[in-house]
């Protein structure tokens, strides 16, 4: 690995620079790198050898303002006497990728981590720190040495929204001090609009690109065209965003195992991209989680072909692009100014919208019962009823189901499907009113912060390539539920399968939502019922329920064994 990156750095220094990343294109391909999602992650430079991706997002800085970096197997060395990662190999690769015309930005946040600002002053100070450590500033510890990143991505999936606009404004003031280079601000909201963590920030700070995660939710790619809501994000781009030229990307899983729901094959994704391209001028391209998954499954190649066939910018085969547009709308450092107010015309539509498009609260009152199909509702209300999500459509509730193993939770006025991770699974709530049953109280749900409740996906012992993950479900008194996710991204398995694992000490299994369970001491085997299974499967997701003594813990993933005929 070190030899490879050194050679790549030498090549970068002698080969000259390709045309720079052009944010104005509608055919850019962005992909996340650093979490080894497919368990076969190559060096960053390896992925930059060809013209597949236009922009790489390094994932993650999952701790700030006390900086924590995590790039899995790509970087495991630290500065002497410090826990801060020092990644000279990635540094060389960043420069190599940039020499090939690709942009490289750093993602802050992620699904888990210790991050957030106490207020504006905290955020402003951290923007100064980020500039000094990752851009053109100076610091005694720079994780990527003299490499200068092209921007920051906010993938905020927890905590409060305090300080982020101030952080962006201060960072952009630093961008303006270096007119020799274009710098970018990006975000990765979930597809339900508005995003529960970034909604306010998206409306009050400048963004160049938004990578909407159209997966793990009711509005995912697998819900196209019924609940797929790119229209809501196009409307945001044109009426709410400070930057009226902001580009919105279609965020897609790189393989079936990259997300719990939302994966579509290359042909389907191409069809969706072409449809969106024909309707919405805010389209910037496609994003995938992550590059290791997308390269392994082969969908990356399909995406590149689709983008080149129909987009505004064409690749020359070496990472550079030629554009049919003459001007760029990217954040140029010499012209980075923001407006203190924007014009936000009301959103009118002749079709039913699945999202809240106004910042005001719905005028209706909370109904007397949980949302049920056909019952009256008003405005843009959304709601939850256990594993069901509710959307107010034409004055009546429409009820849909979350993906297997996930439950509906309210994030502000937005209904979202997510793993329970120890939260109540019978939440009953609607926007514009208090919960009607067990109230979702994030402050009291702290079990998932313990190390033994962090999911540890890994390959199972199996007669075929299979990935397994245990996820904490509902935990009440001495009762628990655990979600089991078994996925393959290569060959489908038949409906005749069995899955065994070792149960943590003190736990029992009383039932399983799929197949039948048998226990011998602490060894558990789940045997499918072939008559209830599809002939070919890419995944099996189910829930086991039982009791525990002492402290609840997830089963060890390395004890899992899966077999199928």
Protein backbone atom coordinates (compact mmCIF):
# COMPACT_ATOMS: atom_id res chain seq x y z
CA UNK A 1 0.00 0.00 0.00
CA UNK A 2 2.73 2.52 0.88
CA UNK A 3 4.70 1.69 -2.28
CA UNK A 4 1.60 2.10 -4.41
CA UNK A 5 0.68 5.50 -3.01
CA UNK A 6 4.27 6.73 -3.34
CA UNK A 7 4.34 5.78 -7.00
CA UNK A 8 0.99 7.43 -7.56
CA UNK A 9 2.29 10.62 -5.98
CA UNK A 10 5.30 10.62 -8.31
CA UNK A 11 3.02 10.06 -11.29
CA UNK A 12 0.79 12.91 -10.17
CA UNK A 13 3.74 15.26 -10.02
CA UNK A 14 4.88 14.43 -13.55
CA UNK A 15 1.68 13.77 -15.46
CA UNK A 16 0.18 17.26 -15.35
CA UNK A 17 -3.35 18.23 -14.29
CA UNK A 18 -6.62 17.24 -15.91
CA UNK A 19 -9.53 19.65 -16.21
CA UNK A 20 -10.95 20.57 -12.82
CA UNK A 21 -14.21 19.29 -11.35
CA UNK A 22 -17.13 21.34 -12.69
CA UNK A 23 -19.94 21.69 -10.16
CA UNK A 24 -22.34 23.11 -12.76
CA UNK A 25 -22.68 19.76 -14.58
CA UNK A 26 -25.74 17.54 -14.15
CA UNK A 27 -23.64 14.42 -14.78
CA UNK A 28 -21.20 14.38 -11.87
CA UNK A 29 -20.63 11.21 -9.88
CA UNK A 30 -19.78 11.53 -6.18
CA UNK A 31 -18.99 8.59 -3.93
CA UNK A 32 -18.01 8.22 -0.28
CA UNK A 33 -14.70 6.63 0.67
CA UNK A 34 -13.20 5.52 3.97
CA UNK A 35 -15.56 3.17 5.81
CA UNK A 36 -14.65 -0.05 3.97
CA UNK A 37 -18.33 -0.88 3.65
CA UNK A 38 -17.75 -3.79 1.24
CA UNK A 39 -14.81 -5.05 3.31
CA UNK A 40 -12.47 -4.85 0.32
CA UNK A 41 -11.62 -1.14 0.29
CA UNK A 42 -8.61 -0.21 -1.86
CA UNK A 43 -6.41 2.84 -1.46
CA UNK A 44 -7.97 6.16 -2.43
CA UNK A 45 -5.47 6.52 -5.27
CA UNK A 46 -6.52 3.20 -6.75
CA UNK A 47 -10.08 4.51 -7.25
CA UNK A 48 -8.75 7.67 -8.91
CA UNK A 49 -6.85 5.85 -11.65
CA UNK A 50 -9.84 5.94 -14.00
CA UNK A 51 -12.59 8.42 -14.82
CA UNK A 52 -15.42 6.73 -12.92
CA UNK A 53 -15.93 9.20 -10.05
CA UNK A 54 -15.75 12.99 -10.30
CA UNK A 55 -15.73 13.71 -6.58
CA UNK A 56 -14.68 11.65 -3.57
CA UNK A 57 -16.11 12.32 -0.10
CA UNK A 58 -13.77 11.17 2.71
CA UNK A 59 -15.79 9.61 5.51
CA UNK A 60 -15.68 10.52 8.32
CA UNK A 61 -14.73 13.19 10.74
CA UNK A 62 -17.15 11.67 13.22
CA UNK A 63 -16.07 13.78 16.17
CA UNK A 64 -15.93 17.57 16.43
CA UNK A 65 -15.09 20.12 17.73
CA UNK A 66 -12.83 17.62 19.51
CA UNK A 67 -11.65 16.04 16.28
CA UNK A 68 -12.06 12.31 15.73
CA UNK A 69 -11.26 10.85 12.31
CA UNK A 70 -12.15 7.35 11.12
CA UNK A 71 -11.16 5.93 7.73
CA UNK A 72 -11.21 2.22 8.64
CA UNK A 73 -8.34 0.33 6.98
CA UNK A 74 -7.27 3.34 4.90
CA UNK A 75 -5.52 5.03 7.83
CA UNK A 76 -4.65 3.61 11.23
CA UNK A 77 -1.60 5.66 12.23
CA UNK A 78 -1.65 8.61 14.63
CA UNK A 79 0.59 11.54 15.50
CA UNK A 80 3.09 10.68 18.22
CA UNK A 81 1.58 11.20 21.64
CA UNK A 82 -1.86 11.89 20.15
CA UNK A 83 -5.02 9.99 19.18
CA UNK A 84 -5.42 12.17 16.05
CA UNK A 85 -5.02 10.21 12.84
CA UNK A 86 -2.03 11.05 10.65
CA UNK A 87 -2.63 9.79 7.10
CA UNK A 88 0.32 10.46 4.77
CA UNK A 89 -0.83 7.80 2.30
CA UNK A 90 -4.26 9.41 1.97
CA UNK A 91 -2.49 12.79 1.68
CA UNK A 92 -0.52 11.59 -1.35
CA UNK A 93 -3.65 10.09 -2.85
CA UNK A 94 -5.63 13.31 -2.39
CA UNK A 95 -3.06 15.16 -4.48
CA UNK A 96 -3.04 12.39 -7.07
CA UNK A 97 -6.85 12.44 -7.34
CA UNK A 98 -6.84 16.22 -7.71
CA UNK A 99 -4.24 15.95 -10.47
CA UNK A 100 -6.73 13.74 -12.31
CA UNK A 101 -9.37 16.49 -12.17
CA UNK A 102 -11.30 15.06 -9.23
CA UNK A 103 -12.44 16.99 -6.16
CA UNK A 104 -11.84 15.53 -2.68
CA UNK A 105 -13.87 16.78 0.27
CA UNK A 106 -14.18 15.70 3.92
CA UNK A 107 -17.48 14.60 5.45
CA UNK A 108 -18.33 15.72 8.97
CA UNK A 109 -20.78 13.64 10.99
CA UNK A 110 -22.10 10.24 10.00
CA UNK A 111 -24.58 7.84 11.54
CA UNK A 112 -22.64 7.59 14.80
CA UNK A 113 -20.15 9.79 16.58
CA UNK A 114 -19.65 12.52 19.14
CA UNK A 115 -20.22 15.75 17.29
CA UNK A 116 -22.05 19.07 17.43
CA UNK A 117 -21.60 22.69 18.42
CA UNK A 118 -22.72 24.40 21.61
CA UNK A 119 -23.42 27.60 19.70
CA UNK A 120 -22.17 30.04 17.08
CA UNK A 121 -18.92 30.96 18.84
CA UNK A 122 -18.00 27.28 19.16
CA UNK A 123 -18.77 26.75 15.47
CA UNK A 124 -16.82 29.80 14.30
CA UNK A 125 -13.76 28.73 16.27
CA UNK A 126 -13.95 25.26 14.76
CA UNK A 127 -14.18 26.68 11.23
CA UNK A 128 -10.83 28.35 11.91
CA UNK A 129 -9.45 25.01 13.15
CA UNK A 130 -10.74 23.15 10.08
CA UNK A 131 -9.20 25.72 7.73
CA UNK A 132 -5.83 25.41 9.45
CA UNK A 133 -5.82 21.60 9.59
CA UNK A 134 -7.34 20.63 6.23
CA UNK A 135 -7.10 23.62 3.88
CA UNK A 136 -4.65 26.49 3.29
CA UNK A 137 -4.09 27.40 6.95
CA UNK A 138 -1.23 26.30 9.18
CA UNK A 139 -1.25 23.83 12.07
CA UNK A 140 1.38 21.74 13.84
CA UNK A 141 -0.80 18.67 13.20
CA UNK A 142 -2.32 18.28 9.75
CA UNK A 143 -3.84 14.80 9.23
CA UNK A 144 -3.26 15.04 5.45
CA UNK A 145 0.06 16.91 5.68
CA UNK A 146 0.32 19.52 2.90
CA UNK A 147 -2.65 18.23 0.91
CA UNK A 148 -5.40 20.85 0.59
CA UNK A 149 -8.97 19.58 0.46
CA UNK A 150 -11.61 20.94 -1.91
CA UNK A 151 -14.39 21.33 0.62
CA UNK A 152 -16.53 20.06 3.47
CA UNK A 153 -19.64 17.85 3.51
CA UNK A 154 -22.14 17.86 6.38
CA UNK A 155 -23.68 14.43 6.98
CA UNK A 156 -25.43 15.36 10.21
CA UNK A 157 -27.57 12.51 11.56
CA UNK A 158 -27.70 13.39 15.25
CA UNK A 159 -27.42 16.13 17.85
CA UNK A 160 -28.76 19.67 17.57
CA UNK A 161 -28.57 22.00 14.62
CA UNK A 162 -26.85 24.73 16.58
CA UNK A 163 -23.95 26.57 14.99
CA UNK A 164 -23.82 25.03 11.52
CA UNK A 165 -24.75 28.20 9.58
CA UNK A 166 -22.10 30.14 11.54
CA UNK A 167 -19.57 27.38 10.81
CA UNK A 168 -20.28 27.53 7.08
CA UNK A 169 -20.17 31.33 6.92
CA UNK A 170 -16.83 31.45 8.74
CA UNK A 171 -15.34 28.67 6.61
CA UNK A 172 -16.45 30.46 3.45
CA UNK A 173 -14.75 33.61 4.67
CA UNK A 174 -11.54 31.57 4.74
CA UNK A 175 -12.33 30.21 1.28
CA UNK A 176 -12.44 33.82 0.07
CA UNK A 177 -8.85 34.37 1.23
CA UNK A 178 -7.60 31.95 -1.45
CA UNK A 179 -8.84 33.07 -4.90
CA UNK A 180 -6.54 30.56 -6.61
CA UNK A 181 -8.83 27.63 -5.88
CA UNK A 182 -12.52 26.71 -5.84
CA UNK A 183 -13.86 25.35 -2.56
CA UNK A 184 -17.21 23.70 -1.89
CA UNK A 185 -19.82 23.23 0.83
CA UNK A 186 -21.96 20.09 0.55
CA UNK A 187 -24.56 18.29 2.66
CA UNK A 188 -26.10 14.82 2.74
CA UNK A 189 -29.68 15.09 4.06
CA UNK A 190 -32.08 12.16 4.28
CA UNK A 191 -34.79 12.21 1.61
CA UNK A 192 -37.80 13.14 3.83
CA UNK A 193 -38.22 16.90 3.40
CA UNK A 194 -37.33 18.94 5.36
CA UNK A 195 -34.37 17.10 6.87
CA UNK A 196 -34.82 16.82 10.63
CA UNK A 197 -31.22 17.75 11.47
CA UNK A 198 -30.15 20.05 8.61
CA UNK A 199 -33.45 21.62 7.56
CA UNK A 200 -32.81 25.05 9.11
CA UNK A 201 -29.17 25.11 8.07
CA UNK A 202 -30.02 24.26 4.47
CA UNK A 203 -32.28 27.29 4.33
CA UNK A 204 -29.88 29.73 6.01
CA UNK A 205 -26.39 28.91 4.73
CA UNK A 206 -24.72 28.54 1.32
CA UNK A 207 -24.44 25.09 -0.21
CA UNK A 208 -22.96 24.11 -3.56
CA UNK A 209 -24.11 20.48 -3.58
CA UNK A 210 -26.66 18.40 -1.69
CA UNK A 211 -26.38 14.60 -1.79
CA UNK A 212 -29.91 13.50 -0.86
CA UNK A 213 -29.95 9.99 0.63
CA UNK A 214 -32.76 8.31 -1.31
CA UNK A 215 -32.54 5.13 0.75
CA UNK A 216 -33.48 3.76 4.19
CA UNK A 217 -36.73 5.72 3.99
CA UNK A 218 -40.20 5.68 2.44
CA UNK A 219 -39.06 8.18 -0.23
CA UNK A 220 -36.19 5.98 -1.44
CA UNK A 221 -35.34 4.92 -4.97
CA UNK A 222 -37.26 1.69 -4.43
CA UNK A 223 -40.41 3.84 -3.99
CA UNK A 224 -40.03 5.47 -7.43
CA UNK A 225 -42.19 6.97 -8.76
CA UNK A 226 -44.92 6.92 -6.10
CA UNK A 227 -43.11 8.36 -3.08
CA UNK A 228 -39.77 9.28 -4.61
CA UNK A 229 -39.60 13.01 -3.83
CA UNK A 230 -36.85 14.64 -5.89
CA UNK A 231 -39.46 17.29 -6.74
CA UNK A 232 -39.42 18.50 -3.13
CA UNK A 233 -35.65 18.97 -3.21
CA UNK A 234 -35.76 20.67 -6.61
CA UNK A 235 -38.30 23.08 -5.18
CA UNK A 236 -36.05 23.69 -2.17
CA UNK A 237 -33.12 24.41 -4.48
CA UNK A 238 -35.09 26.99 -6.46
CA UNK A 239 -37.11 28.67 -3.71
CA UNK A 240 -35.44 28.11 -0.32
CA UNK A 241 -31.71 27.70 -0.89
CA UNK A 242 -29.48 30.79 -0.67
CA UNK A 243 -27.65 29.45 -3.72
CA UNK A 244 -30.26 29.20 -6.47
CA UNK A 245 -27.73 27.24 -8.55
CA UNK A 246 -27.19 24.57 -5.88
CA UNK A 247 -26.96 21.07 -7.34
CA UNK A 248 -29.04 18.19 -5.95
CA UNK A 249 -27.69 14.64 -6.33
CA UNK A 250 -29.58 11.37 -6.39
CA UNK A 251 -28.07 9.47 -3.47
CA UNK A 252 -28.11 5.69 -4.03
CA UNK A 253 -26.81 2.58 -2.24
CA UNK A 254 -23.81 1.09 -4.03
CA UNK A 255 -25.13 -2.46 -3.59
CA UNK A 256 -27.98 -4.33 -1.87
CA UNK A 257 -25.89 -4.60 1.31
CA UNK A 258 -25.05 -0.88 1.40
CA UNK A 259 -28.44 0.09 2.88
CA UNK A 260 -31.43 -1.54 4.51
CA UNK A 261 -33.69 -0.36 1.67
CA UNK A 262 -33.52 1.76 -1.46
CA UNK A 263 -31.16 -0.23 -3.68
CA UNK A 264 -32.08 -0.46 -7.35
CA UNK A 265 -30.04 -2.03 -10.12
CA UNK A 266 -28.06 -0.08 -12.68
CA UNK A 267 -30.72 -0.15 -15.38
CA UNK A 268 -33.40 1.12 -12.99
CA UNK A 269 -31.14 3.84 -11.62
CA UNK A 270 -30.32 4.94 -15.17
CA UNK A 271 -34.03 5.20 -15.94
CA UNK A 272 -34.66 7.26 -12.79
CA UNK A 273 -31.69 9.53 -13.56
CA UNK A 274 -32.90 10.15 -17.11
CA UNK A 275 -36.40 10.96 -15.87
CA UNK A 276 -35.10 13.38 -13.23
CA UNK A 277 -32.70 14.98 -15.73
CA UNK A 278 -35.57 15.68 -18.12
CA UNK A 279 -37.66 17.40 -15.43
CA UNK A 280 -35.43 19.14 -12.89
CA UNK A 281 -32.65 21.61 -13.69
CA UNK A 282 -31.22 21.40 -10.14
CA UNK A 283 -29.91 17.88 -10.81
CA UNK A 284 -26.18 17.58 -10.22
CA UNK A 285 -25.67 13.85 -10.79
CA UNK A 286 -25.56 10.71 -8.67
CA UNK A 287 -23.98 9.94 -5.30
CA UNK A 288 -23.31 6.43 -3.95
CA UNK A 289 -22.59 4.97 -0.56
CA UNK A 290 -19.94 3.91 -0.86
CA UNK A 291 -17.19 3.53 -3.47
CA UNK A 292 -16.16 0.05 -2.28
CA UNK A 293 -19.76 -1.18 -2.57
CA UNK A 294 -20.40 0.48 -5.92
CA UNK A 295 -17.17 -0.77 -7.47
CA UNK A 296 -17.68 -4.32 -6.14
CA UNK A 297 -21.29 -4.59 -7.32
CA UNK A 298 -20.48 -3.07 -10.71
CA UNK A 299 -23.11 -0.33 -10.46
CA UNK A 300 -20.38 2.35 -10.55
CA UNK A 301 -19.60 1.46 -14.16
CA UNK A 302 -23.29 1.58 -15.04
CA UNK A 303 -23.64 4.99 -13.37
CA UNK A 304 -20.68 6.42 -15.26
CA UNK A 305 -22.10 5.24 -18.57
CA UNK A 306 -25.54 6.71 -17.81
CA UNK A 307 -24.08 10.08 -16.79
CA UNK A 308 -21.88 10.31 -19.87
CA UNK A 309 -24.69 9.29 -22.19
CA UNK A 310 -27.19 11.92 -21.11
CA UNK A 311 -25.48 14.59 -19.03
CA UNK A 312 -24.12 18.04 -19.81
CA UNK A 313 -20.46 17.12 -19.25
CA UNK A 314 -18.56 14.37 -21.01
CA UNK A 315 -15.50 12.50 -19.76
CA UNK A 316 -12.37 12.23 -21.86
CA UNK A 317 -11.39 8.98 -20.14
CA UNK A 318 -8.76 10.37 -17.80
CA UNK A 319 -10.82 12.06 -15.14
CA UNK A 320 -11.36 15.38 -16.92
CA UNK A 321 -14.59 16.68 -18.35
CA UNK A 322 -15.76 18.86 -21.19
CA UNK A 323 -18.87 20.87 -20.50
CA UNK A 324 -21.60 22.14 -22.75
CA UNK A 325 -22.02 25.10 -20.43
CA UNK A 326 -19.66 28.05 -20.53
CA UNK A 327 -19.85 29.23 -16.94
CA UNK A 328 -19.51 27.55 -13.59
CA UNK A 329 -21.84 28.19 -10.68
CA UNK A 330 -19.56 26.70 -8.04
CA UNK A 331 -18.49 28.53 -4.92
CA UNK A 332 -15.55 30.58 -6.13
CA UNK A 333 -13.37 31.77 -3.31
CA UNK A 334 -13.07 35.29 -4.68
CA UNK A 335 -16.85 35.74 -4.83
CA UNK A 336 -18.01 33.97 -1.69
CA UNK A 337 -20.70 36.22 -0.30
CA UNK A 338 -23.97 35.29 1.29
CA UNK A 339 -27.26 37.09 1.51
CA UNK A 340 -28.89 37.72 4.84
CA UNK A 341 -32.34 37.08 3.42
CA UNK A 342 -33.80 35.26 0.48
CA UNK A 343 -36.99 35.32 -1.47
CA UNK A 344 -39.01 32.21 -0.71
CA UNK A 345 -42.14 32.09 -2.84
CA UNK A 346 -44.79 29.71 -1.54
CA UNK A 347 -44.65 26.24 -3.03
CA UNK A 348 -47.74 25.44 -5.07
CA UNK A 349 -48.35 22.11 -6.74
CA UNK A 350 -51.17 20.31 -8.48
CA UNK A 351 -50.10 16.93 -7.16
CA UNK A 352 -49.99 15.49 -3.65
CA UNK A 353 -46.69 16.16 -1.90
CA UNK A 354 -45.27 13.65 0.58
CA UNK A 355 -43.32 16.24 2.52
CA UNK A 356 -43.68 19.35 4.62
CA UNK A 357 -42.93 22.29 2.35
CA UNK A 358 -43.60 25.07 4.81
CA UNK A 359 -41.76 26.03 7.98
CA UNK A 360 -45.02 26.82 9.74
CA UNK A 361 -46.80 24.29 11.93
CA UNK A 362 -49.89 22.58 10.50
CA UNK A 363 -53.06 24.28 11.61
CA UNK A 364 -54.89 21.08 12.44
CA UNK A 365 -55.09 19.64 15.91
CA UNK A 366 -53.91 16.22 16.99
CA UNK A 367 -56.55 13.59 16.18
CA UNK A 368 -58.01 11.44 18.92
CA UNK A 369 -56.35 8.25 17.73
CA UNK A 370 -53.22 7.04 15.97
CA UNK A 371 -53.10 7.73 12.22
CA UNK A 372 -55.15 5.10 10.38
CA UNK A 373 -55.73 4.69 6.68
CA UNK A 374 -58.53 6.90 5.38
CA UNK A 375 -59.04 8.82 8.62
CA UNK A 376 -59.24 12.61 8.31
CA UNK A 377 -56.16 14.82 8.52
CA UNK A 378 -55.24 18.23 7.18
CA UNK A 379 -52.45 20.21 5.58
CA UNK A 380 -49.01 18.60 5.29
CA UNK A 381 -49.26 16.45 8.39
CA UNK A 382 -47.11 13.35 8.73
CA UNK A 383 -47.24 10.73 11.44
CA UNK A 384 -46.05 7.42 12.85
CA UNK A 385 -47.80 4.32 14.12
CA UNK A 386 -45.20 1.75 15.09
CA UNK A 387 -43.77 0.28 11.90
CA UNK A 388 -46.14 2.34 9.72
CA UNK A 389 -45.61 5.88 8.45
CA UNK A 390 -48.52 8.21 7.69
CA UNK A 391 -48.80 10.97 5.06
CA UNK A 392 -51.75 13.34 4.83
CA UNK A 393 -52.91 13.20 1.20
CA UNK A 394 -56.02 15.09 0.12
CA UNK A 395 -57.39 15.31 3.64
CA UNK A 396 -57.00 11.62 4.49
CA UNK A 397 -54.20 9.57 5.98
CA UNK A 398 -52.20 7.36 3.62
CA UNK A 399 -50.45 4.57 5.57
CA UNK A 400 -47.28 2.90 4.33
CA UNK A 401 -44.89 0.35 5.81
CA UNK A 402 -41.28 0.95 6.79
CA UNK A 403 -38.65 -1.49 5.53
CA UNK A 404 -38.46 -4.77 7.47
CA UNK A 405 -36.80 -4.29 10.86
CA UNK A 406 -37.20 -0.50 10.85
CA UNK A 407 -39.74 1.69 12.66
CA UNK A 408 -41.26 5.10 12.18
CA UNK A 409 -39.98 8.04 14.24
CA UNK A 410 -40.79 11.72 14.09
CA UNK A 411 -37.95 14.15 13.44
CA UNK A 412 -39.66 17.48 14.02
CA UNK A 413 -42.62 17.45 11.61
CA UNK A 414 -41.12 14.74 9.40
CA UNK A 415 -41.80 11.00 9.59
CA UNK A 416 -38.69 8.85 9.09
CA UNK A 417 -38.03 5.11 9.05
CA UNK A 418 -35.02 4.00 11.05
CA UNK A 419 -33.58 1.15 13.13
CA UNK A 420 -34.91 1.38 16.69
CA UNK A 421 -31.48 1.11 18.38
CA UNK A 422 -33.14 0.71 21.78
CA UNK A 423 -35.90 3.27 21.22
CA UNK A 424 -39.60 2.43 21.72
CA UNK A 425 -41.09 0.67 18.71
CA UNK A 426 -44.73 1.58 19.36
CA UNK A 427 -44.38 5.33 18.82
CA UNK A 428 -47.67 6.94 17.85
CA UNK A 429 -47.38 10.58 16.83
CA UNK A 430 -48.37 13.19 14.27
CA UNK A 431 -46.81 16.49 13.28
CA UNK A 432 -48.37 19.51 14.91
CA UNK A 433 -49.28 17.61 18.08
CA UNK A 434 -47.87 15.57 20.95
CA UNK A 435 -47.37 11.83 20.73
CA UNK A 436 -50.49 9.84 21.41
CA UNK A 437 -48.97 6.72 22.95
CA UNK A 438 -45.45 6.10 24.25
CA UNK A 439 -43.60 9.37 23.65
CA UNK A 440 -40.30 9.22 21.80
CA UNK A 441 -37.80 10.74 24.22
CA UNK A 442 -34.29 10.83 22.75
CA UNK A 443 -32.83 12.15 26.01
CA UNK A 444 -33.78 8.99 27.86
CA UNK A 445 -32.63 6.58 25.17
CA UNK A 446 -28.93 6.15 25.83
CA UNK A 447 -28.38 2.40 25.54
CA UNK A 448 -27.01 2.61 22.01
CA UNK A 449 -24.07 4.74 23.18
CA UNK A 450 -22.59 1.74 24.98
CA UNK A 451 -19.90 -0.06 22.95
CA UNK A 452 -21.65 -3.43 23.21
CA UNK A 453 -24.67 -2.05 21.37
CA UNK A 454 -22.86 -0.70 18.35
CA UNK A 455 -23.64 -2.83 15.28
CA UNK A 456 -20.64 -4.70 13.93
CA UNK A 457 -21.46 -5.89 10.40
CA UNK A 458 -19.07 -8.49 9.02
CA UNK A 459 -18.89 -11.53 6.79
CA UNK A 460 -20.55 -14.63 8.18
CA UNK A 461 -19.14 -18.12 8.07
CA UNK A 462 -21.12 -19.38 5.13
CA UNK A 463 -21.29 -21.52 2.02
CA UNK A 464 -21.72 -18.27 0.04
CA UNK A 465 -20.50 -14.64 0.48
CA UNK A 466 -22.85 -13.23 3.12
CA UNK A 467 -22.81 -10.19 5.39
CA UNK A 468 -24.60 -10.26 8.74
CA UNK A 469 -25.43 -7.54 11.26
CA UNK A 470 -27.24 -7.48 14.61
CA UNK A 471 -29.08 -4.26 15.51
CA UNK A 472 -30.61 -3.46 18.90
CA UNK A 473 -34.41 -3.26 18.85
CA UNK A 474 -36.88 -2.44 21.62
CA UNK A 475 -35.41 -2.85 25.13
CA UNK A 476 -37.91 -2.63 28.00
CA UNK A 477 -37.34 -3.97 31.52
CA UNK A 478 -35.93 -7.48 30.92
CA UNK A 479 -37.46 -7.86 27.45
CA UNK A 480 -35.50 -7.23 24.25
CA UNK A 481 -35.77 -7.51 20.50
CA UNK A 482 -32.81 -7.79 18.13
CA UNK A 483 -33.00 -7.19 14.38
CA UNK A 484 -30.95 -9.61 12.28
CA UNK A 485 -29.83 -8.47 8.82
CA UNK A 486 -28.40 -11.10 6.44
CA UNK A 487 -27.41 -9.83 3.00
CA UNK A 488 -25.45 -10.96 -0.03
CA UNK A 489 -24.27 -8.73 -2.87
CA UNK A 490 -23.32 -11.52 -5.23
CA UNK A 491 -25.33 -14.71 -5.68
CA UNK A 492 -28.90 -14.95 -4.38
CA UNK A 493 -29.67 -17.63 -1.80
CA UNK A 494 -32.69 -19.93 -1.87
CA UNK A 495 -35.63 -19.93 0.50
CA UNK A 496 -34.21 -23.00 2.26
CA UNK A 497 -31.65 -21.53 4.65
CA UNK A 498 -30.49 -21.70 8.25
CA UNK A 499 -28.72 -19.19 10.47
CA UNK A 500 -27.00 -19.89 13.77
CA UNK A 501 -25.18 -17.73 16.31
CA UNK A 502 -24.14 -17.65 19.95
CA UNK A 503 -26.53 -15.93 22.34
CA UNK A 504 -24.99 -13.61 24.98
CA UNK A 505 -24.97 -14.94 28.53
CA UNK A 506 -28.30 -14.53 30.31
CA UNK A 507 -30.42 -14.16 27.18
CA UNK A 508 -33.23 -16.34 25.87
CA UNK A 509 -35.07 -16.42 22.54
CA UNK A 510 -38.84 -16.67 22.74
CA UNK A 511 -39.81 -16.05 19.12
CA UNK A 512 -38.58 -15.07 15.66
CA UNK A 513 -40.49 -13.16 13.00
CA UNK A 514 -39.08 -15.41 10.27
CA UNK A 515 -38.71 -19.17 10.33
CA UNK A 516 -38.45 -21.18 13.57
CA UNK A 517 -35.91 -20.91 16.38
CA UNK A 518 -34.26 -23.71 18.35
CA UNK A 519 -31.83 -23.31 21.28
CA UNK A 520 -29.17 -25.63 22.66
CA UNK A 521 -27.61 -23.98 25.72
CA UNK A 522 -26.65 -20.58 24.24
CA UNK A 523 -26.44 -21.75 20.61
CA UNK A 524 -29.40 -20.48 18.55
CA UNK A 525 -30.45 -21.75 15.11
CA UNK A 526 -33.07 -20.04 12.95
CA UNK A 527 -34.44 -22.36 10.24
CA UNK A 528 -36.44 -20.87 7.40
CA UNK A 529 -39.83 -22.08 6.24
CA UNK A 530 -39.20 -22.57 2.49
CA UNK A 531 -42.93 -22.42 1.75
CA UNK A 532 -43.01 -18.84 3.10
CA UNK A 533 -39.82 -17.70 1.39
CA UNK A 534 -39.09 -16.46 -2.11
CA UNK A 535 -37.20 -18.86 -4.35
CA UNK A 536 -34.27 -16.44 -4.60
CA UNK A 537 -33.27 -13.85 -1.99
CA UNK A 538 -30.62 -11.17 -1.67
CA UNK A 539 -31.45 -10.49 1.99
CA UNK A 540 -33.24 -11.88 5.02
CA UNK A 541 -34.20 -9.35 7.68
CA UNK A 542 -36.09 -10.48 10.76
CA UNK A 543 -36.51 -9.87 14.47
CA UNK A 544 -35.91 -12.15 17.42
CA UNK A 545 -37.58 -11.47 20.79
CA UNK A 546 -36.60 -12.76 24.21
CA UNK A 547 -35.50 -11.92 27.74
CA UNK A 548 -32.16 -10.97 29.27
CA UNK A 549 -30.54 -10.78 32.68
CA UNK A 550 -28.14 -8.04 33.75
CA UNK A 551 -27.02 -5.82 30.87
CA UNK A 552 -28.41 -6.32 27.39
CA UNK A 553 -25.79 -6.93 24.71
CA UNK A 554 -25.82 -7.73 21.01
CA UNK A 555 -24.65 -11.18 19.89
CA UNK A 556 -21.07 -11.30 18.61
CA UNK A 557 -21.18 -11.12 14.82
CA UNK A 558 -18.18 -13.43 14.45
CA UNK A 559 -20.27 -16.28 15.90
CA UNK A 560 -22.72 -16.16 12.97
CA UNK A 561 -22.98 -19.06 10.54
CA UNK A 562 -25.29 -18.96 7.50
CA UNK A 563 -26.03 -21.73 5.02
CA UNK A 564 -28.40 -22.15 2.11
CA UNK A 565 -29.08 -24.86 -0.44
